[in-house]
Amino acid sequence: MHDDPLWVHAFLAVHVAAGALCLVLAPLVLAVTKGGPLHRRWGKVYFGSMGLLAGTALPIAIYRPVLFLALVAILSFYLTFSGYRILRLKNLASGGHAGSVDWAAAILTFAVCACLAGFGLLRPGWVQNMGVVAVVLGSVGMRSAAADMYRFVRRPTQKMFWLFVHFEKFIGSYIAVWTAFSVATLSQIFRHAGLALWLWPMIVGVPAIVATVVYYRHKYPSVASRDISTQRA
């Protein structure tokens, strides 16, 4: 590691700083008034930080090379990207269409995650022997990208579908940040935790996503359940 070129050390420094910023920002974004100026401002900073996080992880992972981390970097950023883009795709429920960038990102991520899961299952050595974790993360990524493409071709019937997708994707990206932090930092403390260090953020985070979506469905029951097709009829 000490023999790495200067650019690798620079990228690592930016990577660590961006990751730390994401860890701090996400709770702030969730805490402030949704849709308010602070929420939008901090959300954009979080999006940019996630871009830096993935943008620095990918070239380092390719340089070393660590295929597992390269594939996970793409998955992590896609969760943030699609969570941000869904705010531009609110009109899917009323006849709008996804853009070419949305299709390209979803198809690429589905393919990447299929490789991640496939390698984990059939060629674990190709993904640094992270077989179980690769299958779990790959499956999650495939499901996320497939759900997006389904929305692109089958018009959502709930007017506020975008709100729930937005929460799901952004909290999902935060789970990815915590997973990276857990493996990179907590492994120094809990040396024999093994797979638990990789999987505990998901075990905690998925119920948090469900609870958040349920909360907002109850908060906006009349809007969340409104069927667009029924409205037109």
C-alpha atoms as a PDB file:
ATOM      1  CA  MET A   1       0.000   0.000   0.000  1.00  0.00           C
ATOM      2  CA  HIS A   2       2.884   2.369   0.773  1.00  0.00           C
ATOM      3  CA  ASP A   3       4.228   1.711  -2.752  1.00  0.00           C
ATOM      4  CA  ASP A   4       1.015   2.897  -4.377  1.00  0.00           C
ATOM      5  CA  PRO A   5       1.356   5.921  -6.679  1.00  0.00           C
ATOM      6  CA  LEU A   6       0.483   9.356  -5.387  1.00  0.00           C
ATOM      7  CA  TRP A   7      -2.885   9.453  -7.145  1.00  0.00           C
ATOM      8  CA  VAL A   8      -4.028   6.368  -5.212  1.00  0.00           C
ATOM      9  CA  HIS A   9      -3.216   8.044  -1.887  1.00  0.00           C
ATOM     10  CA  ALA A  10      -4.999  11.208  -3.036  1.00  0.00           C
ATOM     11  CA  PHE A  11      -8.048   9.239  -4.105  1.00  0.00           C
ATOM     12  CA  LEU A  12      -8.055   7.360  -0.801  1.00  0.00           C
ATOM     13  CA  ALA A  13      -7.997  10.648   1.125  1.00  0.00           C
ATOM     14  CA  VAL A  14     -10.938  11.998  -0.878  1.00  0.00           C
ATOM     15  CA  HIS A  15     -12.723   8.657  -0.530  1.00  0.00           C
ATOM     16  CA  VAL A  16     -12.431   8.638   3.266  1.00  0.00           C
ATOM     17  CA  ALA A  17     -13.510  12.286   3.530  1.00  0.00           C
ATOM     18  CA  ALA A  18     -16.531  11.728   1.269  1.00  0.00           C
ATOM     19  CA  GLY A  19     -17.533   8.629   3.233  1.00  0.00           C
ATOM     20  CA  ALA A  20     -17.328  10.477   6.543  1.00  0.00           C
ATOM     21  CA  LEU A  21     -19.423  13.305   5.098  1.00  0.00           C
ATOM     22  CA  CYS A  22     -22.073  10.834   3.920  1.00  0.00           C
ATOM     23  CA  LEU A  23     -22.260   9.244   7.379  1.00  0.00           C
ATOM     24  CA  VAL A  24     -22.964  12.651   8.922  1.00  0.00           C
ATOM     25  CA  LEU A  25     -25.215  14.077   6.214  1.00  0.00           C
ATOM     26  CA  ALA A  26     -27.788  11.307   5.816  1.00  0.00           C
ATOM     27  CA  PRO A  27     -29.308  11.670   9.329  1.00  0.00           C
ATOM     28  CA  LEU A  28     -29.444  15.448   8.813  1.00  0.00           C
ATOM     29  CA  VAL A  29     -31.255  15.055   5.494  1.00  0.00           C
ATOM     30  CA  LEU A  30     -33.781  12.710   7.109  1.00  0.00           C
ATOM     31  CA  ALA A  31     -34.238  14.962  10.145  1.00  0.00           C
ATOM     32  CA  VAL A  32     -35.129  18.241   8.407  1.00  0.00           C
ATOM     33  CA  THR A  33     -38.478  19.043   6.792  1.00  0.00           C
ATOM     34  CA  LYS A  34     -38.943  16.889   3.699  1.00  0.00           C
ATOM     35  CA  GLY A  35     -38.955  18.941   0.519  1.00  0.00           C
ATOM     36  CA  GLY A  36     -37.754  22.057   2.351  1.00  0.00           C
ATOM     37  CA  PRO A  37     -34.677  24.060   1.330  1.00  0.00           C
ATOM     38  CA  LEU A  38     -32.395  22.364   3.861  1.00  0.00           C
ATOM     39  CA  HIS A  39     -33.556  18.921   2.789  1.00  0.00           C
ATOM     40  CA  ARG A  40     -32.886  19.699  -0.855  1.00  0.00           C
ATOM     41  CA  ARG A  41     -29.550  21.414  -0.163  1.00  0.00           C
ATOM     42  CA  TRP A  42     -28.149  18.713   2.089  1.00  0.00           C
ATOM     43  CA  GLY A  43     -29.578  16.032  -0.188  1.00  0.00           C
ATOM     44  CA  LYS A  44     -27.624  17.435  -3.134  1.00  0.00           C
ATOM     45  CA  VAL A  45     -24.443  17.535  -1.050  1.00  0.00           C
ATOM     46  CA  TYR A  46     -25.056  13.916  -0.022  1.00  0.00           C
ATOM     47  CA  PHE A  47     -25.569  12.972  -3.680  1.00  0.00           C
ATOM     48  CA  GLY A  48     -22.314  14.681  -4.627  1.00  0.00           C
ATOM     49  CA  SER A  49     -20.469  12.995  -1.763  1.00  0.00           C
ATOM     50  CA  MET A  50     -21.745   9.589  -2.854  1.00  0.00           C
ATOM     51  CA  GLY A  51     -20.538  10.392  -6.356  1.00  0.00           C
ATOM     52  CA  LEU A  52     -17.072  11.144  -4.995  1.00  0.00           C
ATOM     53  CA  LEU A  53     -17.193   7.995  -2.878  1.00  0.00           C
ATOM     54  CA  ALA A  54     -17.929   5.757  -5.852  1.00  0.00           C
ATOM     55  CA  GLY A  55     -15.812   7.788  -8.270  1.00  0.00           C
ATOM     56  CA  THR A  56     -12.709   7.314  -6.137  1.00  0.00           C
ATOM     57  CA  ALA A  57     -13.424   3.698  -5.144  1.00  0.00           C
ATOM     58  CA  LEU A  58     -13.835   2.452  -8.713  1.00  0.00           C
ATOM     59  CA  PRO A  59     -10.406   3.435 -10.135  1.00  0.00           C
ATOM     60  CA  ILE A  60      -8.630   2.244  -6.977  1.00  0.00           C
ATOM     61  CA  ALA A  61     -10.459  -1.082  -7.122  1.00  0.00           C
ATOM     62  CA  ILE A  62      -9.530  -1.469 -10.808  1.00  0.00           C
ATOM     63  CA  TYR A  63      -5.901  -0.510 -10.172  1.00  0.00           C
ATOM     64  CA  ARG A  64      -5.269  -2.997  -7.346  1.00  0.00           C
ATOM     65  CA  PRO A  65      -7.340  -4.930  -8.708  1.00  0.00           C
ATOM     66  CA  VAL A  66     -10.287  -5.785  -6.449  1.00  0.00           C
ATOM     67  CA  LEU A  67     -13.228  -6.759  -8.633  1.00  0.00           C
ATOM     68  CA  PHE A  68     -15.612  -7.142  -5.698  1.00  0.00           C
ATOM     69  CA  LEU A  69     -15.165  -3.531  -4.590  1.00  0.00           C
ATOM     70  CA  ALA A  70     -15.427  -2.242  -8.152  1.00  0.00           C
ATOM     71  CA  LEU A  71     -18.806  -3.929  -8.640  1.00  0.00           C
ATOM     72  CA  VAL A  72     -20.088  -2.826  -5.224  1.00  0.00           C
ATOM     73  CA  ALA A  73     -19.035   0.777  -5.962  1.00  0.00           C
ATOM     74  CA  ILE A  74     -21.288   0.770  -9.036  1.00  0.00           C
ATOM     75  CA  LEU A  75     -24.192  -0.679  -7.050  1.00  0.00           C
ATOM     76  CA  SER A  76     -23.773   1.853  -4.226  1.00  0.00           C
ATOM     77  CA  PHE A  77     -23.805   4.837  -6.550  1.00  0.00           C
ATOM     78  CA  TYR A  78     -26.772   3.517  -8.513  1.00  0.00           C
ATOM     79  CA  LEU A  79     -28.894   3.490  -5.372  1.00  0.00           C
ATOM     80  CA  THR A  80     -28.115   7.170  -4.857  1.00  0.00           C
ATOM     81  CA  PHE A  81     -28.455   8.040  -8.534  1.00  0.00           C
ATOM     82  CA  SER A  82     -31.840   6.353  -8.966  1.00  0.00           C
ATOM     83  CA  GLY A  83     -33.055   7.839  -5.665  1.00  0.00           C
ATOM     84  CA  TYR A  84     -32.166  11.286  -6.991  1.00  0.00           C
ATOM     85  CA  ARG A  85     -33.480  10.711 -10.514  1.00  0.00           C
ATOM     86  CA  ILE A  86     -36.876   9.521  -9.288  1.00  0.00           C
ATOM     87  CA  LEU A  87     -37.560  13.129  -8.296  1.00  0.00           C
ATOM     88  CA  ARG A  88     -37.303  13.977 -11.998  1.00  0.00           C
ATOM     89  CA  LEU A  89     -39.573  11.069 -12.925  1.00  0.00           C
ATOM     90  CA  LYS A  90     -42.648  11.926 -10.866  1.00  0.00           C
ATOM     91  CA  ASN A  91     -44.652  12.133 -14.082  1.00  0.00           C
ATOM     92  CA  LEU A  92     -44.239   8.402 -14.753  1.00  0.00           C
ATOM     93  CA  ALA A  93     -47.589   7.981 -13.017  1.00  0.00           C
ATOM     94  CA  SER A  94     -49.258  10.390 -15.430  1.00  0.00           C
ATOM     95  CA  GLY A  95     -47.781   9.209 -18.718  1.00  0.00           C
ATOM     96  CA  GLY A  96     -44.184  10.421 -18.500  1.00  0.00           C
ATOM     97  CA  HIS A  97     -41.191   8.467 -19.697  1.00  0.00           C
ATOM     98  CA  ALA A  98     -37.788   7.576 -18.299  1.00  0.00           C
ATOM     99  CA  GLY A  99     -34.803   9.087 -20.066  1.00  0.00           C
ATOM    100  CA  SER A 100     -32.003   7.235 -21.827  1.00  0.00           C
ATOM    101  CA  VAL A 101     -29.712   7.909 -18.858  1.00  0.00           C
ATOM    102  CA  ASP A 102     -32.184   6.153 -16.548  1.00  0.00           C
ATOM    103  CA  TRP A 103     -32.406   3.113 -18.817  1.00  0.00           C
ATOM    104  CA  ALA A 104     -28.643   2.960 -19.326  1.00  0.00           C
ATOM    105  CA  ALA A 105     -27.930   3.179 -15.593  1.00  0.00           C
ATOM    106  CA  ALA A 106     -30.532   0.533 -14.714  1.00  0.00           C
ATOM    107  CA  ILE A 107     -29.373  -1.909 -17.412  1.00  0.00           C
ATOM    108  CA  LEU A 108     -25.701  -1.440 -16.500  1.00  0.00           C
ATOM    109  CA  THR A 109     -26.395  -1.929 -12.803  1.00  0.00           C
ATOM    110  CA  PHE A 110     -28.522  -5.016 -13.399  1.00  0.00           C
ATOM    111  CA  ALA A 111     -25.715  -6.535 -15.482  1.00  0.00           C
ATOM    112  CA  VAL A 112     -23.067  -5.595 -12.916  1.00  0.00           C
ATOM    113  CA  CYS A 113     -25.096  -7.040 -10.047  1.00  0.00           C
ATOM    114  CA  ALA A 114     -25.836 -10.201 -12.021  1.00  0.00           C
ATOM    115  CA  CYS A 115     -22.078 -10.630 -12.403  1.00  0.00           C
ATOM    116  CA  LEU A 116     -21.581  -9.917  -8.702  1.00  0.00           C
ATOM    117  CA  ALA A 117     -24.131 -12.528  -7.647  1.00  0.00           C
ATOM    118  CA  GLY A 118     -23.020 -15.011 -10.314  1.00  0.00           C
ATOM    119  CA  PHE A 119     -19.343 -14.752  -9.419  1.00  0.00           C
ATOM    120  CA  GLY A 120     -20.177 -15.052  -5.734  1.00  0.00           C
ATOM    121  CA  LEU A 121     -22.097 -18.241  -6.425  1.00  0.00           C
ATOM    122  CA  LEU A 122     -19.932 -19.882  -9.102  1.00  0.00           C
ATOM    123  CA  ARG A 123     -16.505 -18.178  -8.975  1.00  0.00           C
ATOM    124  CA  PRO A 124     -16.048 -16.728  -5.458  1.00  0.00           C
ATOM    125  CA  GLY A 125     -12.311 -16.361  -6.020  1.00  0.00           C
ATOM    126  CA  TRP A 126     -13.024 -13.730  -8.671  1.00  0.00           C
ATOM    127  CA  VAL A 127     -14.720 -11.549  -6.035  1.00  0.00           C
ATOM    128  CA  GLN A 128     -12.115 -11.954  -3.307  1.00  0.00           C
ATOM    129  CA  ASN A 129     -13.893 -15.000  -1.842  1.00  0.00           C
ATOM    130  CA  MET A 130     -16.809 -12.842  -0.705  1.00  0.00           C
ATOM    131  CA  GLY A 131     -19.252 -15.455  -1.963  1.00  0.00           C
ATOM    132  CA  VAL A 132     -22.224 -15.044   0.386  1.00  0.00           C
ATOM    133  CA  VAL A 133     -21.919 -11.256   0.562  1.00  0.00           C
ATOM    134  CA  ALA A 134     -21.549 -10.996  -3.220  1.00  0.00           C
ATOM    135  CA  VAL A 135     -24.700 -13.070  -3.760  1.00  0.00           C
ATOM    136  CA  VAL A 136     -26.686 -11.006  -1.232  1.00  0.00           C
ATOM    137  CA  LEU A 137     -25.552  -7.610  -2.549  1.00  0.00           C
ATOM    138  CA  GLY A 138     -25.853  -8.715  -6.167  1.00  0.00           C
ATOM    139  CA  SER A 139     -29.394  -9.946  -5.590  1.00  0.00           C
ATOM    140  CA  VAL A 140     -30.349  -6.679  -3.893  1.00  0.00           C
ATOM    141  CA  GLY A 141     -28.901  -4.668  -6.766  1.00  0.00           C
ATOM    142  CA  MET A 142     -30.639  -6.780  -9.418  1.00  0.00           C
ATOM    143  CA  ARG A 143     -33.946  -6.381  -7.619  1.00  0.00           C
ATOM    144  CA  SER A 144     -33.493  -2.600  -7.356  1.00  0.00           C
ATOM    145  CA  ALA A 145     -32.577  -2.117 -11.031  1.00  0.00           C
ATOM    146  CA  ALA A 146     -35.309  -4.500 -12.211  1.00  0.00           C
ATOM    147  CA  ALA A 147     -37.938  -2.672 -10.134  1.00  0.00           C
ATOM    148  CA  ASP A 148     -36.878   0.607 -11.744  1.00  0.00           C
ATOM    149  CA  MET A 149     -37.119  -0.803 -15.273  1.00  0.00           C
ATOM    150  CA  TYR A 150     -40.534  -2.240 -14.445  1.00  0.00           C
ATOM    151  CA  ARG A 151     -41.660   1.248 -13.421  1.00  0.00           C
ATOM    152  CA  PHE A 152     -40.322   2.618 -16.705  1.00  0.00           C
ATOM    153  CA  VAL A 153     -42.558   0.332 -18.771  1.00  0.00           C
ATOM    154  CA  ARG A 154     -45.531  -0.163 -16.435  1.00  0.00           C
ATOM    155  CA  ARG A 155     -46.970   3.131 -15.265  1.00  0.00           C
ATOM    156  CA  PRO A 156     -47.133   3.390 -11.443  1.00  0.00           C
ATOM    157  CA  THR A 157     -50.697   3.603 -10.144  1.00  0.00           C
ATOM    158  CA  GLN A 158     -49.853   5.527  -6.970  1.00  0.00           C
ATOM    159  CA  LYS A 159     -49.411   9.256  -7.409  1.00  0.00           C
ATOM    160  CA  MET A 160     -46.797   9.460  -4.630  1.00  0.00           C
ATOM    161  CA  PHE A 161     -44.846   6.382  -5.718  1.00  0.00           C
ATOM    162  CA  TRP A 162     -41.736   8.525  -6.182  1.00  0.00           C
ATOM    163  CA  LEU A 163     -41.653   9.493  -2.496  1.00  0.00           C
ATOM    164  CA  PHE A 164     -41.400   5.902  -1.325  1.00  0.00           C
ATOM    165  CA  VAL A 165     -38.820   5.017  -3.991  1.00  0.00           C
ATOM    166  CA  HIS A 166     -36.806   8.085  -3.016  1.00  0.00           C
ATOM    167  CA  PHE A 167     -36.648   7.010   0.620  1.00  0.00           C
ATOM    168  CA  GLU A 168     -35.946   3.383  -0.243  1.00  0.00           C
ATOM    169  CA  LYS A 169     -33.021   4.208  -2.540  1.00  0.00           C
ATOM    170  CA  PHE A 170     -31.387   6.865  -0.378  1.00  0.00           C
ATOM    171  CA  ILE A 171     -31.599   4.823   2.798  1.00  0.00           C
ATOM    172  CA  GLY A 172     -30.294   1.879   0.779  1.00  0.00           C
ATOM    173  CA  SER A 173     -27.272   3.933  -0.267  1.00  0.00           C
ATOM    174  CA  TYR A 174     -26.731   4.887   3.383  1.00  0.00           C
ATOM    175  CA  ILE A 175     -26.720   1.195   4.267  1.00  0.00           C
ATOM    176  CA  ALA A 176     -23.955   0.772   1.679  1.00  0.00           C
ATOM    177  CA  VAL A 177     -21.922   3.542   3.336  1.00  0.00           C
ATOM    178  CA  TRP A 178     -22.333   1.936   6.748  1.00  0.00           C
ATOM    179  CA  THR A 179     -21.310  -1.420   5.294  1.00  0.00           C
ATOM    180  CA  ALA A 180     -18.079   0.065   3.958  1.00  0.00           C
ATOM    181  CA  PHE A 181     -17.432   1.820   7.272  1.00  0.00           C
ATOM    182  CA  SER A 182     -18.121  -1.383   9.192  1.00  0.00           C
ATOM    183  CA  VAL A 183     -15.695  -3.450   7.138  1.00  0.00           C
ATOM    184  CA  ALA A 184     -12.958  -0.819   6.983  1.00  0.00           C
ATOM    185  CA  THR A 185     -13.112   0.387  10.596  1.00  0.00           C
ATOM    186  CA  LEU A 186     -15.035  -1.948  12.889  1.00  0.00           C
ATOM    187  CA  SER A 187     -13.067  -4.935  11.612  1.00  0.00           C
ATOM    188  CA  GLN A 188     -10.106  -3.548  13.540  1.00  0.00           C
ATOM    189  CA  ILE A 189     -12.120  -3.893  16.750  1.00  0.00           C
ATOM    190  CA  PHE A 190     -14.224  -6.978  16.048  1.00  0.00           C
ATOM    191  CA  ARG A 191     -11.609  -9.083  14.294  1.00  0.00           C
ATOM    192  CA  HIS A 192     -13.574 -12.316  14.328  1.00  0.00           C
ATOM    193  CA  ALA A 193     -16.977 -10.947  13.342  1.00  0.00           C
ATOM    194  CA  GLY A 194     -16.602 -12.176   9.756  1.00  0.00           C
ATOM    195  CA  LEU A 195     -19.761 -11.923   7.650  1.00  0.00           C
ATOM    196  CA  ALA A 196     -21.571 -10.065  10.418  1.00  0.00           C
ATOM    197  CA  LEU A 197     -19.542  -6.933   9.657  1.00  0.00           C
ATOM    198  CA  TRP A 198     -20.841  -7.012   6.091  1.00  0.00           C
ATOM    199  CA  LEU A 199     -24.437  -7.932   6.776  1.00  0.00           C
ATOM    200  CA  TRP A 200     -25.453  -6.136   9.998  1.00  0.00           C
ATOM    201  CA  PRO A 201     -26.070  -2.745   8.275  1.00  0.00           C
ATOM    202  CA  MET A 202     -28.519  -4.467   5.913  1.00  0.00           C
ATOM    203  CA  ILE A 203     -30.178  -6.377   8.763  1.00  0.00           C
ATOM    204  CA  VAL A 204     -30.726  -3.078  10.598  1.00  0.00           C
ATOM    205  CA  GLY A 205     -31.321  -0.905   7.547  1.00  0.00           C
ATOM    206  CA  VAL A 206     -33.947  -2.893   5.648  1.00  0.00           C
ATOM    207  CA  PRO A 207     -36.464  -2.709   8.544  1.00  0.00           C
ATOM    208  CA  ALA A 208     -35.670   1.025   8.719  1.00  0.00           C
ATOM    209  CA  ILE A 209     -36.640   1.376   5.051  1.00  0.00           C
ATOM    210  CA  VAL A 210     -39.869  -0.546   5.629  1.00  0.00           C
ATOM    211  CA  ALA A 211     -40.702   1.531   8.724  1.00  0.00           C
ATOM    212  CA  THR A 212     -40.060   4.800   6.875  1.00  0.00           C
ATOM    213  CA  VAL A 213     -42.257   3.830   3.932  1.00  0.00           C
ATOM    214  CA  VAL A 214     -45.042   2.621   6.246  1.00  0.00           C
ATOM    215  CA  TYR A 215     -44.833   5.867   8.231  1.00  0.00           C
ATOM    216  CA  TYR A 216     -45.259   8.055   5.148  1.00  0.00           C
ATOM    217  CA  ARG A 217     -48.009   5.866   3.732  1.00  0.00           C
ATOM    218  CA  HIS A 218     -49.941   6.491   6.949  1.00  0.00           C
ATOM    219  CA  LYS A 219     -49.009  10.166   6.952  1.00  0.00           C
ATOM    220  CA  TYR A 220     -50.334  10.685   3.420  1.00  0.00           C
ATOM    221  CA  PRO A 221     -52.960   7.934   3.118  1.00  0.00           C
ATOM    222  CA  SER A 222     -55.290   9.665   0.687  1.00  0.00           C
ATOM    223  CA  VAL A 223     -52.522  10.680  -1.699  1.00  0.00           C
ATOM    224  CA  ALA A 224     -50.381   7.556  -1.377  1.00  0.00           C
ATOM    225  CA  SER A 225     -53.205   5.208  -2.189  1.00  0.00           C
ATOM    226  CA  ARG A 226     -54.768   7.210  -4.995  1.00  0.00           C
ATOM    227  CA  ASP A 227     -55.026   5.093  -8.121  1.00  0.00           C
ATOM    228  CA  ILE A 228     -54.162   7.093 -11.228  1.00  0.00           C
ATOM    229  CA  SER A 229     -56.050   4.775 -13.565  1.00  0.00           C
ATOM    230  CA  THR A 230     -59.177   5.114 -11.413  1.00  0.00           C
ATOM    231  CA  GLN A 231     -58.790   8.902 -11.475  1.00  0.00           C
ATOM    232  CA  ARG A 232     -58.760   8.929 -15.277  1.00  0.00           C
ATOM    233  CA  ALA A 233     -61.729   6.616 -15.519  1.00  0.00           C
END
